[in-house]
N, C-alpha and C. Protein backbone atom coordinates (compact mmCIF):
# COMPACT_ATOMS: atom_id res chain seq x y z
N UNK A 1 88.59 -38.56 -1.41
CA UNK A 1 89.33 -37.57 -0.63
C UNK A 1 89.98 -38.26 0.56
N UNK A 2 91.22 -37.86 0.86
CA UNK A 2 91.97 -38.49 1.95
C UNK A 2 92.02 -37.57 3.16
N UNK A 3 91.63 -38.09 4.32
CA UNK A 3 91.68 -37.33 5.56
C UNK A 3 92.62 -38.03 6.54
N UNK A 4 93.45 -37.26 7.22
CA UNK A 4 94.29 -37.80 8.28
C UNK A 4 93.58 -37.55 9.60
N UNK A 5 92.99 -38.59 10.17
CA UNK A 5 92.19 -38.43 11.38
C UNK A 5 93.04 -38.07 12.59
N UNK A 6 94.35 -38.17 12.46
CA UNK A 6 95.24 -37.82 13.58
C UNK A 6 95.61 -36.34 13.58
N UNK A 7 95.15 -35.61 12.58
CA UNK A 7 95.45 -34.19 12.49
C UNK A 7 94.16 -33.39 12.31
N UNK A 8 94.18 -32.14 12.78
CA UNK A 8 93.06 -31.25 12.49
C UNK A 8 93.14 -30.83 11.03
N UNK A 9 92.01 -30.88 10.35
CA UNK A 9 91.99 -30.39 8.97
C UNK A 9 90.85 -29.39 8.80
N UNK A 10 91.16 -28.34 8.06
CA UNK A 10 90.21 -27.24 7.80
C UNK A 10 89.39 -27.61 6.58
N UNK A 11 88.07 -27.65 6.74
CA UNK A 11 87.18 -28.02 5.65
C UNK A 11 86.34 -26.84 5.21
N UNK A 12 86.43 -26.51 3.93
CA UNK A 12 85.56 -25.49 3.35
C UNK A 12 84.42 -26.21 2.64
N UNK A 13 83.19 -25.78 2.90
CA UNK A 13 82.02 -26.40 2.28
C UNK A 13 81.70 -25.77 0.94
N UNK A 14 81.59 -26.61 -0.05
CA UNK A 14 81.18 -26.20 -1.39
C UNK A 14 79.68 -26.45 -1.54
N UNK A 15 78.94 -25.43 -1.96
CA UNK A 15 77.51 -25.59 -2.17
C UNK A 15 77.17 -25.08 -3.57
N UNK A 16 76.10 -25.59 -4.14
CA UNK A 16 75.84 -25.37 -5.56
C UNK A 16 75.48 -23.94 -5.89
N UNK A 17 74.81 -23.25 -5.00
CA UNK A 17 74.46 -21.85 -5.25
C UNK A 17 75.57 -20.94 -4.72
N UNK A 18 75.60 -19.71 -5.18
CA UNK A 18 76.51 -18.72 -4.59
C UNK A 18 77.97 -18.89 -4.96
N UNK A 19 78.82 -18.17 -4.23
CA UNK A 19 80.26 -18.15 -4.50
C UNK A 19 81.01 -18.60 -3.23
N UNK A 20 81.09 -19.89 -3.04
CA UNK A 20 81.64 -20.48 -1.81
C UNK A 20 83.16 -20.34 -1.71
N UNK A 21 83.87 -20.05 -2.81
CA UNK A 21 85.32 -20.11 -2.83
C UNK A 21 85.98 -18.76 -2.54
N UNK A 22 85.50 -18.05 -1.53
CA UNK A 22 86.00 -16.71 -1.21
C UNK A 22 87.18 -16.79 -0.23
N UNK A 23 87.90 -15.66 -0.10
CA UNK A 23 88.96 -15.50 0.93
C UNK A 23 89.92 -16.69 0.92
N UNK A 24 90.61 -16.88 -0.19
CA UNK A 24 91.34 -18.12 -0.39
C UNK A 24 92.61 -18.24 0.44
N UNK A 25 93.16 -17.13 0.95
CA UNK A 25 94.37 -17.22 1.79
C UNK A 25 94.04 -17.42 3.27
N UNK A 26 92.77 -17.24 3.62
CA UNK A 26 92.38 -17.30 5.03
C UNK A 26 92.67 -18.63 5.69
N UNK A 27 92.33 -19.78 5.09
CA UNK A 27 92.55 -21.05 5.79
C UNK A 27 94.00 -21.29 6.19
N UNK A 28 94.95 -20.99 5.31
CA UNK A 28 96.36 -21.19 5.64
C UNK A 28 96.77 -20.31 6.81
N UNK A 29 96.26 -19.10 6.84
CA UNK A 29 96.57 -18.17 7.93
C UNK A 29 96.03 -18.71 9.25
N UNK A 30 94.82 -19.20 9.25
CA UNK A 30 94.21 -19.77 10.45
C UNK A 30 94.97 -21.01 10.91
N UNK A 31 95.32 -21.87 9.97
CA UNK A 31 96.08 -23.07 10.31
C UNK A 31 97.44 -22.73 10.90
N UNK A 32 98.06 -21.67 10.38
CA UNK A 32 99.32 -21.20 10.95
C UNK A 32 99.14 -20.78 12.40
N UNK A 33 98.01 -20.15 12.72
CA UNK A 33 97.75 -19.73 14.10
C UNK A 33 97.59 -20.92 15.02
N UNK A 34 96.94 -21.97 14.53
CA UNK A 34 96.80 -23.18 15.35
C UNK A 34 98.16 -23.80 15.65
N UNK A 35 99.04 -23.79 14.67
CA UNK A 35 100.39 -24.31 14.87
C UNK A 35 101.17 -23.44 15.85
N UNK A 36 100.99 -22.13 15.73
CA UNK A 36 101.75 -21.19 16.55
C UNK A 36 101.30 -21.19 18.01
N UNK A 37 100.00 -21.32 18.24
CA UNK A 37 99.48 -21.11 19.59
C UNK A 37 99.05 -22.39 20.32
N UNK A 38 98.81 -23.47 19.59
CA UNK A 38 98.29 -24.67 20.24
C UNK A 38 99.22 -25.86 20.03
N UNK A 39 98.87 -26.97 20.63
CA UNK A 39 99.64 -28.20 20.46
C UNK A 39 98.95 -29.17 19.50
N UNK A 40 97.92 -28.69 18.81
CA UNK A 40 97.23 -29.54 17.85
C UNK A 40 98.17 -29.97 16.72
N UNK A 41 98.00 -31.20 16.29
CA UNK A 41 98.64 -31.64 15.05
C UNK A 41 97.75 -31.18 13.90
N UNK A 42 98.34 -30.48 12.96
CA UNK A 42 97.56 -29.77 11.95
C UNK A 42 97.95 -30.21 10.54
N UNK A 43 96.93 -30.54 9.74
CA UNK A 43 97.11 -30.73 8.31
C UNK A 43 97.10 -29.35 7.67
N UNK A 44 98.16 -28.97 6.99
CA UNK A 44 98.29 -27.60 6.49
C UNK A 44 97.58 -27.39 5.15
N UNK A 45 96.89 -28.39 4.65
CA UNK A 45 96.15 -28.25 3.40
C UNK A 45 94.67 -28.03 3.67
N UNK A 46 94.10 -27.06 2.99
CA UNK A 46 92.66 -26.86 3.07
C UNK A 46 91.95 -28.00 2.35
N UNK A 47 90.90 -28.53 2.95
CA UNK A 47 90.06 -29.54 2.31
C UNK A 47 88.77 -28.89 1.83
N UNK A 48 88.38 -29.18 0.62
CA UNK A 48 87.13 -28.67 0.07
C UNK A 48 86.18 -29.86 -0.09
N UNK A 49 85.03 -29.76 0.55
CA UNK A 49 84.08 -30.88 0.58
C UNK A 49 82.72 -30.37 0.14
N UNK A 50 82.09 -31.09 -0.75
CA UNK A 50 80.74 -30.75 -1.17
C UNK A 50 79.76 -31.00 -0.04
N UNK A 51 78.87 -30.05 0.17
CA UNK A 51 77.86 -30.20 1.22
C UNK A 51 76.95 -31.39 0.95
N UNK A 52 76.85 -31.80 -0.28
CA UNK A 52 75.99 -32.93 -0.63
C UNK A 52 76.71 -34.28 -0.53
N UNK A 53 78.00 -34.24 -0.15
CA UNK A 53 78.81 -35.45 -0.11
C UNK A 53 78.80 -36.11 1.27
N UNK A 54 78.94 -37.42 1.29
CA UNK A 54 79.05 -38.16 2.54
C UNK A 54 80.37 -37.84 3.25
N UNK A 55 81.34 -37.30 2.53
CA UNK A 55 82.61 -36.92 3.16
C UNK A 55 82.40 -35.90 4.28
N UNK A 56 81.32 -35.15 4.20
CA UNK A 56 81.02 -34.15 5.23
C UNK A 56 81.05 -34.74 6.62
N UNK A 57 80.58 -35.96 6.77
CA UNK A 57 80.41 -36.56 8.09
C UNK A 57 81.72 -37.06 8.70
N UNK A 58 82.81 -36.84 7.99
CA UNK A 58 84.14 -37.16 8.52
C UNK A 58 84.88 -35.91 8.96
N UNK A 59 84.22 -34.76 8.89
CA UNK A 59 84.88 -33.47 9.13
C UNK A 59 84.44 -32.88 10.48
N UNK A 60 85.36 -32.64 11.41
CA UNK A 60 84.98 -32.11 12.72
C UNK A 60 84.69 -30.61 12.73
N UNK A 61 85.17 -29.91 11.70
CA UNK A 61 85.00 -28.45 11.62
C UNK A 61 84.83 -28.07 10.15
N UNK A 62 83.81 -27.24 9.87
CA UNK A 62 83.58 -26.79 8.50
C UNK A 62 83.39 -25.27 8.47
N UNK A 63 83.76 -24.71 7.34
CA UNK A 63 83.63 -23.28 7.09
C UNK A 63 82.77 -23.08 5.86
N UNK A 64 81.81 -22.14 5.94
CA UNK A 64 80.94 -21.84 4.80
C UNK A 64 80.82 -20.33 4.69
N UNK A 65 81.01 -19.83 3.48
CA UNK A 65 80.94 -18.38 3.31
C UNK A 65 80.50 -18.04 1.90
N UNK A 66 80.43 -16.73 1.61
CA UNK A 66 80.07 -16.25 0.29
C UNK A 66 79.46 -14.86 0.34
N UNK A 67 79.16 -14.32 -0.84
CA UNK A 67 78.52 -13.01 -0.97
C UNK A 67 77.08 -13.12 -1.49
N UNK A 68 76.80 -14.19 -2.20
CA UNK A 68 75.60 -14.26 -3.03
C UNK A 68 74.51 -15.14 -2.39
N UNK A 69 73.57 -15.51 -3.22
CA UNK A 69 72.42 -16.29 -2.77
C UNK A 69 72.84 -17.65 -2.22
N UNK A 70 72.26 -18.02 -1.10
CA UNK A 70 72.41 -19.37 -0.55
C UNK A 70 71.07 -20.08 -0.70
N UNK A 71 71.04 -21.08 -1.55
CA UNK A 71 69.82 -21.86 -1.75
C UNK A 71 70.22 -23.32 -1.86
N UNK A 72 70.17 -24.01 -0.74
CA UNK A 72 70.64 -25.39 -0.70
C UNK A 72 69.73 -26.30 -1.53
N UNK A 73 70.33 -27.30 -2.13
CA UNK A 73 69.55 -28.37 -2.76
C UNK A 73 68.94 -29.24 -1.67
N UNK A 74 68.05 -30.11 -2.04
CA UNK A 74 67.42 -31.00 -1.06
C UNK A 74 68.48 -31.85 -0.35
N UNK A 75 69.47 -32.34 -1.10
CA UNK A 75 70.51 -33.17 -0.49
C UNK A 75 71.40 -32.35 0.43
N UNK A 76 71.70 -31.11 0.03
CA UNK A 76 72.50 -30.23 0.88
C UNK A 76 71.78 -29.93 2.19
N UNK A 77 70.50 -29.66 2.11
CA UNK A 77 69.72 -29.41 3.33
C UNK A 77 69.72 -30.64 4.24
N UNK A 78 69.50 -31.79 3.64
CA UNK A 78 69.46 -33.02 4.41
C UNK A 78 70.80 -33.27 5.11
N UNK A 79 71.89 -33.10 4.38
CA UNK A 79 73.21 -33.33 4.97
C UNK A 79 73.53 -32.31 6.05
N UNK A 80 73.17 -31.04 5.81
CA UNK A 80 73.45 -30.00 6.80
C UNK A 80 72.74 -30.31 8.10
N UNK A 81 71.47 -30.65 8.02
CA UNK A 81 70.69 -30.96 9.22
C UNK A 81 71.26 -32.18 9.94
N UNK A 82 71.55 -33.21 9.22
CA UNK A 82 72.07 -34.44 9.82
C UNK A 82 73.43 -34.19 10.46
N UNK A 83 74.28 -33.43 9.78
CA UNK A 83 75.62 -33.14 10.29
C UNK A 83 75.55 -32.38 11.61
N UNK A 84 74.74 -31.34 11.66
CA UNK A 84 74.63 -30.52 12.87
C UNK A 84 73.99 -31.31 14.00
N UNK A 85 72.94 -32.04 13.71
CA UNK A 85 72.25 -32.80 14.76
C UNK A 85 73.07 -33.96 15.30
N UNK A 86 74.12 -34.33 14.58
CA UNK A 86 74.99 -35.41 15.03
C UNK A 86 76.32 -34.90 15.57
N UNK A 87 76.36 -33.62 15.97
CA UNK A 87 77.53 -33.10 16.65
C UNK A 87 78.53 -32.36 15.79
N UNK A 88 78.19 -32.09 14.53
CA UNK A 88 79.09 -31.33 13.67
C UNK A 88 79.11 -29.85 14.00
N UNK A 89 80.08 -29.14 13.43
CA UNK A 89 80.24 -27.71 13.68
C UNK A 89 80.53 -27.00 12.36
N UNK A 90 79.72 -25.95 12.07
CA UNK A 90 79.94 -25.14 10.87
C UNK A 90 80.07 -23.67 11.29
N UNK A 91 81.17 -23.06 10.90
CA UNK A 91 81.34 -21.62 11.08
C UNK A 91 80.94 -20.95 9.77
N UNK A 92 79.89 -20.14 9.83
CA UNK A 92 79.35 -19.47 8.65
C UNK A 92 79.64 -17.98 8.76
N UNK A 93 80.25 -17.42 7.72
CA UNK A 93 80.68 -16.02 7.75
C UNK A 93 80.18 -15.30 6.51
N UNK A 94 79.47 -14.21 6.71
CA UNK A 94 78.91 -13.41 5.62
C UNK A 94 79.96 -12.45 5.09
N UNK A 95 80.39 -12.67 3.85
CA UNK A 95 81.41 -11.79 3.26
C UNK A 95 80.88 -10.39 2.98
N UNK A 96 79.56 -10.22 2.97
CA UNK A 96 78.99 -8.89 2.74
C UNK A 96 78.98 -8.05 4.01
N UNK A 97 79.23 -8.69 5.17
CA UNK A 97 79.08 -8.06 6.48
C UNK A 97 77.87 -7.12 6.51
N UNK A 98 76.73 -7.68 6.17
CA UNK A 98 75.51 -6.89 5.99
C UNK A 98 74.31 -7.71 6.45
N UNK A 99 73.67 -7.29 7.52
CA UNK A 99 72.56 -8.08 8.07
C UNK A 99 71.34 -8.10 7.15
N UNK A 100 71.29 -7.19 6.17
CA UNK A 100 70.17 -7.17 5.23
C UNK A 100 70.59 -7.56 3.82
N UNK A 101 71.81 -8.09 3.68
CA UNK A 101 72.32 -8.44 2.36
C UNK A 101 71.78 -9.77 1.87
N UNK A 102 72.12 -10.10 0.62
CA UNK A 102 71.59 -11.29 -0.01
C UNK A 102 72.07 -12.56 0.68
N UNK A 103 73.35 -12.65 1.01
CA UNK A 103 73.84 -13.84 1.69
C UNK A 103 73.14 -14.01 3.03
N UNK A 104 73.09 -12.93 3.81
CA UNK A 104 72.50 -13.02 5.15
C UNK A 104 71.04 -13.45 5.08
N UNK A 105 70.27 -12.80 4.25
CA UNK A 105 68.84 -13.12 4.17
C UNK A 105 68.61 -14.54 3.69
N UNK A 106 69.36 -14.95 2.67
CA UNK A 106 69.12 -16.27 2.11
C UNK A 106 69.66 -17.38 3.01
N UNK A 107 70.81 -17.16 3.66
CA UNK A 107 71.31 -18.18 4.56
C UNK A 107 70.39 -18.33 5.77
N UNK A 108 69.97 -17.21 6.35
CA UNK A 108 69.08 -17.29 7.51
C UNK A 108 67.76 -17.97 7.13
N UNK A 109 67.31 -17.73 5.91
CA UNK A 109 66.09 -18.40 5.44
C UNK A 109 66.29 -19.92 5.36
N UNK A 110 67.48 -20.34 4.93
CA UNK A 110 67.77 -21.77 4.89
C UNK A 110 67.78 -22.37 6.30
N UNK A 111 68.37 -21.65 7.25
CA UNK A 111 68.41 -22.15 8.62
C UNK A 111 67.01 -22.24 9.22
N UNK A 112 66.16 -21.26 8.90
CA UNK A 112 64.77 -21.31 9.38
C UNK A 112 64.04 -22.51 8.78
N UNK A 113 64.29 -22.77 7.52
CA UNK A 113 63.63 -23.89 6.84
C UNK A 113 64.07 -25.24 7.44
N UNK A 114 65.36 -25.34 7.82
CA UNK A 114 65.88 -26.60 8.34
C UNK A 114 65.59 -26.78 9.82
N UNK A 115 65.85 -25.72 10.61
CA UNK A 115 65.84 -25.86 12.08
C UNK A 115 64.68 -25.13 12.76
N UNK A 116 63.93 -24.33 12.02
CA UNK A 116 62.82 -23.59 12.63
C UNK A 116 63.12 -22.11 12.79
N UNK A 117 62.06 -21.34 12.96
CA UNK A 117 62.18 -19.88 12.93
C UNK A 117 62.96 -19.31 14.10
N UNK A 118 63.02 -20.01 15.22
CA UNK A 118 63.67 -19.45 16.41
C UNK A 118 65.01 -20.10 16.73
N UNK A 119 65.51 -20.94 15.84
CA UNK A 119 66.73 -21.70 16.15
C UNK A 119 67.98 -20.83 16.17
N UNK A 120 68.07 -19.88 15.26
CA UNK A 120 69.25 -19.03 15.15
C UNK A 120 69.10 -17.85 16.11
N UNK A 121 69.94 -17.82 17.14
CA UNK A 121 69.80 -16.81 18.20
C UNK A 121 71.13 -16.12 18.48
N UNK A 122 71.03 -14.88 18.97
CA UNK A 122 72.23 -14.18 19.42
C UNK A 122 72.82 -14.92 20.61
N UNK A 123 74.14 -14.99 20.66
CA UNK A 123 74.79 -15.59 21.82
C UNK A 123 75.37 -14.48 22.69
N UNK A 124 75.32 -14.64 24.01
CA UNK A 124 75.82 -13.58 24.90
C UNK A 124 77.33 -13.48 24.84
N UNK A 125 77.85 -12.32 25.15
CA UNK A 125 79.29 -12.11 25.13
C UNK A 125 80.00 -12.79 26.29
N UNK A 126 79.22 -13.44 27.16
CA UNK A 126 79.78 -14.26 28.23
C UNK A 126 79.89 -15.73 27.82
N UNK A 127 79.56 -16.04 26.60
CA UNK A 127 79.57 -17.43 26.13
C UNK A 127 80.99 -18.00 26.22
N UNK A 128 81.13 -19.29 26.55
CA UNK A 128 82.46 -19.91 26.64
C UNK A 128 83.30 -19.78 25.37
N UNK A 129 82.66 -19.58 24.23
CA UNK A 129 83.39 -19.36 22.98
C UNK A 129 84.43 -18.27 23.11
N UNK A 130 84.11 -17.24 23.91
CA UNK A 130 84.97 -16.06 24.01
C UNK A 130 86.08 -16.20 25.05
N UNK A 131 86.14 -17.33 25.72
CA UNK A 131 87.18 -17.50 26.74
C UNK A 131 87.82 -18.88 26.71
N UNK A 132 87.47 -19.71 25.74
CA UNK A 132 87.95 -21.09 25.75
C UNK A 132 89.45 -21.19 25.52
N UNK A 133 90.05 -20.20 24.89
CA UNK A 133 91.51 -20.20 24.67
C UNK A 133 92.05 -18.80 24.95
N UNK A 134 91.84 -17.87 24.05
CA UNK A 134 92.13 -16.46 24.32
C UNK A 134 90.89 -15.83 24.95
N UNK A 135 91.10 -14.75 25.70
CA UNK A 135 89.99 -14.07 26.37
C UNK A 135 89.53 -12.88 25.54
N UNK A 136 88.26 -12.86 25.20
CA UNK A 136 87.64 -11.74 24.47
C UNK A 136 86.40 -11.28 25.24
N UNK A 137 86.07 -10.00 25.10
CA UNK A 137 84.88 -9.46 25.74
C UNK A 137 83.63 -9.67 24.90
N UNK A 138 83.80 -10.27 23.76
CA UNK A 138 82.73 -10.49 22.79
C UNK A 138 83.40 -10.68 21.45
N UNK A 139 82.64 -10.70 20.38
CA UNK A 139 83.25 -10.91 19.06
C UNK A 139 84.15 -9.75 18.65
N UNK A 140 85.40 -10.00 18.31
CA UNK A 140 86.29 -8.91 17.91
C UNK A 140 85.75 -8.16 16.69
N UNK A 141 85.89 -6.85 16.71
CA UNK A 141 85.46 -6.02 15.59
C UNK A 141 86.44 -6.19 14.43
N UNK A 142 85.92 -6.13 13.22
CA UNK A 142 86.77 -6.24 12.04
C UNK A 142 86.95 -4.88 11.36
N UNK A 143 88.01 -4.75 10.61
CA UNK A 143 88.25 -3.50 9.87
C UNK A 143 87.20 -3.32 8.78
N UNK A 144 86.59 -4.43 8.34
CA UNK A 144 85.52 -4.35 7.34
C UNK A 144 84.36 -3.52 7.88
N UNK A 145 84.00 -3.74 9.13
CA UNK A 145 82.92 -2.97 9.75
C UNK A 145 83.35 -1.52 9.96
N UNK A 146 84.55 -1.34 10.48
CA UNK A 146 85.02 0.00 10.82
C UNK A 146 85.20 0.89 9.59
N UNK A 147 85.43 0.27 8.44
CA UNK A 147 85.60 1.04 7.21
C UNK A 147 84.28 1.44 6.57
N UNK A 148 83.18 0.97 7.17
CA UNK A 148 81.87 1.42 6.69
C UNK A 148 81.36 0.68 5.48
N UNK A 149 81.89 -0.52 5.21
CA UNK A 149 81.33 -1.32 4.12
C UNK A 149 80.05 -1.99 4.60
N UNK A 150 79.39 -2.68 3.70
CA UNK A 150 78.19 -3.43 4.09
C UNK A 150 77.13 -2.49 4.63
N UNK A 151 76.59 -2.81 5.81
CA UNK A 151 75.50 -2.02 6.37
C UNK A 151 76.01 -0.89 7.27
N UNK A 152 77.34 -0.69 7.32
CA UNK A 152 77.93 0.39 8.11
C UNK A 152 77.58 0.27 9.59
N UNK A 153 77.46 -0.97 10.06
CA UNK A 153 77.16 -1.23 11.46
C UNK A 153 78.23 -2.15 12.03
N UNK A 154 78.67 -1.85 13.24
CA UNK A 154 79.55 -2.78 13.96
C UNK A 154 78.65 -3.75 14.71
N UNK A 155 78.67 -5.01 14.33
CA UNK A 155 77.81 -6.01 14.94
C UNK A 155 78.44 -6.47 16.26
N UNK A 156 77.75 -6.24 17.35
CA UNK A 156 78.31 -6.53 18.67
C UNK A 156 77.90 -7.90 19.18
N UNK A 157 77.51 -8.79 18.28
CA UNK A 157 77.09 -10.13 18.66
C UNK A 157 77.32 -11.09 17.50
N UNK A 158 77.39 -12.36 17.81
CA UNK A 158 77.30 -13.42 16.82
C UNK A 158 76.02 -14.20 17.09
N UNK A 159 75.57 -14.95 16.12
CA UNK A 159 74.40 -15.80 16.29
C UNK A 159 74.82 -17.26 16.22
N UNK A 160 73.98 -18.12 16.74
CA UNK A 160 74.30 -19.55 16.72
C UNK A 160 73.03 -20.38 16.77
N UNK A 161 73.15 -21.58 16.28
CA UNK A 161 72.16 -22.63 16.49
C UNK A 161 72.80 -23.64 17.41
N UNK A 162 72.15 -23.90 18.52
CA UNK A 162 72.70 -24.83 19.50
C UNK A 162 71.91 -26.14 19.48
N UNK A 163 72.63 -27.23 19.64
CA UNK A 163 72.04 -28.55 19.77
C UNK A 163 72.62 -29.18 21.02
N UNK A 164 71.75 -29.56 21.95
CA UNK A 164 72.18 -30.13 23.24
C UNK A 164 73.17 -29.21 23.96
N UNK A 165 72.80 -27.91 23.98
CA UNK A 165 73.57 -26.88 24.69
C UNK A 165 74.98 -26.69 24.13
N UNK A 166 75.17 -27.04 22.89
CA UNK A 166 76.45 -26.85 22.21
C UNK A 166 76.21 -26.18 20.87
N UNK A 167 77.06 -25.21 20.52
CA UNK A 167 76.92 -24.55 19.22
C UNK A 167 77.20 -25.55 18.10
N UNK A 168 76.27 -25.64 17.16
CA UNK A 168 76.48 -26.44 15.96
C UNK A 168 76.72 -25.57 14.75
N UNK A 169 76.04 -24.42 14.71
CA UNK A 169 76.22 -23.43 13.64
C UNK A 169 76.58 -22.10 14.29
N UNK A 170 77.77 -21.60 14.01
CA UNK A 170 78.18 -20.28 14.48
C UNK A 170 78.11 -19.34 13.28
N UNK A 171 77.35 -18.26 13.43
CA UNK A 171 77.02 -17.40 12.29
C UNK A 171 77.47 -15.97 12.55
N UNK A 172 78.24 -15.44 11.60
CA UNK A 172 78.83 -14.10 11.73
C UNK A 172 78.47 -13.22 10.54
N UNK A 173 78.12 -11.96 10.82
CA UNK A 173 77.99 -10.94 9.78
C UNK A 173 79.21 -10.02 9.77
N UNK A 174 80.29 -10.42 10.41
CA UNK A 174 81.42 -9.51 10.61
C UNK A 174 82.51 -9.65 9.55
N UNK A 175 82.39 -10.64 8.68
CA UNK A 175 83.35 -10.85 7.59
C UNK A 175 84.76 -11.13 8.12
N UNK A 176 84.84 -12.12 9.01
CA UNK A 176 86.16 -12.54 9.50
C UNK A 176 87.00 -13.14 8.38
N UNK A 177 86.35 -13.79 7.42
CA UNK A 177 87.09 -14.39 6.33
C UNK A 177 87.95 -13.39 5.59
N UNK A 178 87.38 -12.23 5.29
CA UNK A 178 88.13 -11.18 4.61
C UNK A 178 89.18 -10.58 5.55
N UNK A 179 88.83 -10.44 6.81
CA UNK A 179 89.75 -9.89 7.80
C UNK A 179 91.01 -10.76 7.93
N UNK A 180 90.85 -12.06 7.77
CA UNK A 180 91.97 -13.00 7.95
C UNK A 180 92.55 -13.45 6.61
N UNK A 181 92.17 -12.81 5.54
CA UNK A 181 92.58 -13.23 4.20
C UNK A 181 93.87 -12.50 3.79
N UNK A 182 94.98 -12.91 4.39
CA UNK A 182 96.28 -12.35 4.01
C UNK A 182 97.35 -13.40 4.25
N UNK A 183 98.50 -13.21 3.67
CA UNK A 183 99.59 -14.15 3.84
C UNK A 183 100.01 -14.18 5.30
N UNK A 184 100.07 -15.37 5.89
CA UNK A 184 100.36 -15.47 7.32
C UNK A 184 101.72 -14.86 7.69
N UNK A 185 102.61 -14.74 6.73
CA UNK A 185 103.92 -14.15 7.02
C UNK A 185 103.85 -12.65 7.28
N UNK A 186 102.70 -12.06 6.97
CA UNK A 186 102.52 -10.62 7.20
C UNK A 186 101.99 -10.31 8.60
N UNK A 187 101.80 -11.33 9.42
CA UNK A 187 101.30 -11.07 10.78
C UNK A 187 102.25 -10.18 11.57
N UNK A 188 103.51 -10.21 11.25
CA UNK A 188 104.48 -9.42 12.00
C UNK A 188 104.20 -7.92 11.90
N UNK A 189 103.40 -7.51 10.93
CA UNK A 189 103.07 -6.10 10.78
C UNK A 189 101.87 -5.67 11.64
N UNK A 190 101.23 -6.66 12.29
CA UNK A 190 100.08 -6.36 13.14
C UNK A 190 100.51 -6.26 14.59
N UNK A 191 100.06 -5.23 15.26
CA UNK A 191 100.37 -5.09 16.68
C UNK A 191 99.76 -6.24 17.48
N UNK A 192 98.53 -6.60 17.14
CA UNK A 192 97.85 -7.75 17.74
C UNK A 192 97.41 -8.67 16.62
N UNK A 193 97.71 -9.94 16.74
CA UNK A 193 97.35 -10.92 15.73
C UNK A 193 95.82 -11.04 15.68
N UNK A 194 95.22 -10.61 14.58
CA UNK A 194 93.76 -10.59 14.50
C UNK A 194 93.17 -11.97 14.19
N UNK A 195 94.01 -12.98 14.00
CA UNK A 195 93.47 -14.33 13.76
C UNK A 195 93.28 -15.13 15.06
N UNK A 196 93.59 -14.53 16.19
CA UNK A 196 93.51 -15.29 17.45
C UNK A 196 92.09 -15.79 17.72
N UNK A 197 91.08 -15.04 17.29
CA UNK A 197 89.71 -15.47 17.55
C UNK A 197 89.39 -16.76 16.78
N UNK A 198 90.03 -16.95 15.65
CA UNK A 198 89.82 -18.20 14.91
C UNK A 198 90.26 -19.40 15.73
N UNK A 199 91.29 -19.23 16.56
CA UNK A 199 91.75 -20.31 17.43
C UNK A 199 90.64 -20.67 18.42
N UNK A 200 89.99 -19.66 19.00
CA UNK A 200 88.87 -19.92 19.91
C UNK A 200 87.77 -20.71 19.22
N UNK A 201 87.42 -20.30 18.01
CA UNK A 201 86.33 -20.96 17.29
C UNK A 201 86.65 -22.44 17.07
N UNK A 202 87.85 -22.71 16.62
CA UNK A 202 88.22 -24.09 16.32
C UNK A 202 88.38 -24.91 17.58
N UNK A 203 88.97 -24.34 18.62
CA UNK A 203 89.13 -25.09 19.87
C UNK A 203 87.77 -25.38 20.48
N UNK A 204 86.82 -24.45 20.35
CA UNK A 204 85.47 -24.71 20.84
C UNK A 204 84.86 -25.87 20.05
N UNK A 205 85.00 -25.83 18.74
CA UNK A 205 84.43 -26.89 17.89
C UNK A 205 84.98 -28.26 18.24
N UNK A 206 86.25 -28.32 18.60
CA UNK A 206 86.90 -29.59 18.84
C UNK A 206 86.72 -30.12 20.27
N UNK A 207 86.46 -29.24 21.22
CA UNK A 207 86.49 -29.67 22.62
C UNK A 207 85.17 -29.53 23.35
N UNK A 208 84.20 -28.87 22.79
CA UNK A 208 82.94 -28.63 23.51
C UNK A 208 81.90 -29.69 23.16
């Protein structure tokens, strides 16, 4: 796999269990927002990297999502732990937007197995994540929550695993992937661009 280290590239993590290849238009939409709002040099192609691959350690930002069971292999667990402990960043988004769903329960179980039972914690709405680029009062609500899918709850927090006072794993039950899964040319129909929060996430990953 070829990476241009002079440009930001969006990496989707492929894992052996579950359905990792969800929300396929989302990365292009997010990359368009980075081009529109920031001065970052951006690779406009999504990169797909196996969690068990050494290529992972060349990626400054990774995205992991799905609806189904998350059960990492031994190599996937080893790489995930090493990547996070060495300054990597993974944004994990539950496509079920359900705190009691299969993805949520199984992913949180994996995090407990790797990092311990208390590692994954709610982050306050005053966290720098919410003001590093655009200003938010907390995690933006998604239409997925408002439409009553999943657990029919609007989640007013995100969770994270921090290493050395920096987020390494940002975890959402809000289904941002589905919220941002549309052709970027359709943004003109939105009164407020709902992908702006993705810019905050990526800028935090790159600069914190």
